[in-house]
Every structure is written in C-alpha cells, then in structure tokens.
C-alpha cells in the first residue's frame, strides 16, 4: 500500500496475490504436519503396520467404479536413506 508523505515514511507496495499464495502455503504445510501426526498416532494405536492391514474405499464417479486401497508399512532407515527420500520430494 502506497501512502502519501515524505519518501522515508512511505510503505513499500504490497503484492496481495503473492501474500495470499504464501499464506496458503503456510496453511497447507501446517495441515500436512497435522495429518502426518494423526496417521502416525493411528498406526501406533491400532498396530496397522504390524498387522499389514489394508484400508479400502470404493465409490462411483461418472459411471465408473473407483477402488482405492492403502497399505501401511513402517520402515527403518538410516540418515543417508532418509536424506534421499527428502530429496525426492
């Protein structure tokens, strides 16, 4: 926002679209963190990783049936393996 007055007191012009994008990015990162926490708690609470259970969801969309299956496995990695996974993102 531009204000009238001496140049040293003027504010820089703001890019509202950029601010909105960055705000949405921060919200998305927060939501991902919360979801990861919830998934981890569910795995620990119910022992999904130990039982090798599969969660399945089916629905119909545009005349086609869709089936989504999720299998949870807990892995053990060393630091170099974990770094490689982070770099793939």
Protein backbone atom coordinates (compact mmCIF):
# COMPACT_ATOMS: atom_id res chain seq x y z
CA UNK A 1 0.00 0.00 0.00
CA UNK A 2 1.40 3.38 -1.01
CA UNK A 3 0.97 6.24 1.47
CA UNK A 4 1.37 9.97 0.94
CA UNK A 5 4.08 11.78 2.82
CA UNK A 6 7.85 12.03 2.96
CA UNK A 7 9.66 9.27 0.98
CA UNK A 8 11.28 7.82 4.12
CA UNK A 9 7.81 7.23 5.65
CA UNK A 10 6.23 5.62 2.58
CA UNK A 11 5.48 1.90 2.76
CA UNK A 12 6.55 -0.45 0.02
CA UNK A 13 3.92 -1.59 -2.44
CA UNK A 14 2.42 -4.93 -1.43
CA UNK A 15 1.74 -7.85 -3.75
CA UNK A 16 -1.55 -9.17 -2.35
CA UNK A 17 -1.60 -12.21 -4.65
CA UNK A 18 1.90 -13.24 -3.50
CA UNK A 19 0.92 -12.75 0.14
CA UNK A 20 -2.17 -14.95 -0.37
CA UNK A 21 -0.10 -17.67 -2.04
CA UNK A 22 2.44 -17.65 0.79
CA UNK A 23 -0.34 -17.69 3.38
CA UNK A 24 -1.96 -20.68 1.67
CA UNK A 25 1.42 -22.43 1.55
CA UNK A 26 1.90 -21.97 5.30
CA UNK A 27 -1.63 -23.29 5.97
CA UNK A 28 -1.01 -26.31 3.71
CA UNK A 29 2.28 -27.11 5.46
CA UNK A 30 0.52 -26.92 8.83
CA UNK A 31 -2.25 -29.22 7.61
CA UNK A 32 0.26 -31.75 6.24
CA UNK A 33 2.05 -31.78 9.58
CA UNK A 34 -1.21 -32.34 11.47
CA UNK A 35 -2.26 -35.14 9.09
CA UNK A 36 1.13 -36.85 9.42
CA UNK A 37 0.75 -36.68 13.20
CA UNK A 38 -2.74 -38.20 13.04
CA UNK A 39 -1.61 -41.02 10.72
CA UNK A 40 1.33 -41.80 12.99
CA UNK A 41 -0.93 -41.89 16.03
CA UNK A 42 -3.41 -44.21 14.28
CA UNK A 43 -0.63 -46.57 13.21
CA UNK A 44 0.75 -46.72 16.74
CA UNK A 45 -2.66 -47.01 18.41
CA UNK A 46 -4.10 -49.78 16.26
CA UNK A 47 -0.93 -51.51 15.11
CA UNK A 48 -1.65 -51.20 11.39
CA UNK A 49 1.99 -51.57 10.45
CA UNK A 50 2.30 -54.81 12.42
CA UNK A 51 -0.88 -56.40 11.10
CA UNK A 52 -0.29 -55.47 7.44
CA UNK A 53 -3.91 -54.33 7.18
CA UNK A 54 -5.23 -52.61 4.08
CA UNK A 55 -7.75 -49.79 4.13
CA UNK A 56 -10.08 -49.74 1.12
CA UNK A 57 -12.54 -47.13 -0.13
CA UNK A 58 -14.85 -47.62 -3.12
CA UNK A 59 -17.03 -45.07 -4.89
CA UNK A 60 -18.73 -44.49 -8.23
CA UNK A 61 -17.95 -41.38 -10.31
CA UNK A 62 -19.11 -40.64 -13.86
CA UNK A 63 -20.37 -44.19 -14.31
CA UNK A 64 -17.03 -45.76 -13.29
CA UNK A 65 -16.24 -47.57 -10.06
CA UNK A 66 -13.08 -46.47 -8.30
CA UNK A 67 -11.33 -48.52 -5.59
CA UNK A 68 -8.54 -47.01 -3.51
CA UNK A 69 -6.50 -49.28 -1.23
CA UNK A 70 -3.90 -48.07 1.24
CA UNK A 71 -1.41 -50.42 2.87
CA UNK A 72 0.65 -49.05 5.74
CA UNK A 73 4.16 -50.29 6.42
CA UNK A 74 6.60 -48.91 8.95
CA UNK A 75 10.20 -48.65 7.73
CA UNK A 76 13.54 -48.32 9.44
CA UNK A 77 16.07 -46.11 7.63
CA UNK A 78 19.47 -44.72 8.37
CA UNK A 79 20.21 -40.99 7.93
CA UNK A 80 21.53 -41.27 4.36
CA UNK A 81 18.46 -43.21 3.22
CA UNK A 82 16.14 -40.69 4.87
CA UNK A 83 18.02 -37.82 3.20
CA UNK A 84 17.49 -39.48 -0.18
CA UNK A 85 13.75 -39.67 0.44
CA UNK A 86 13.66 -35.96 1.41
CA UNK A 87 15.50 -35.03 -1.80
CA UNK A 88 12.95 -36.88 -3.95
CA UNK A 89 10.10 -34.61 -2.78
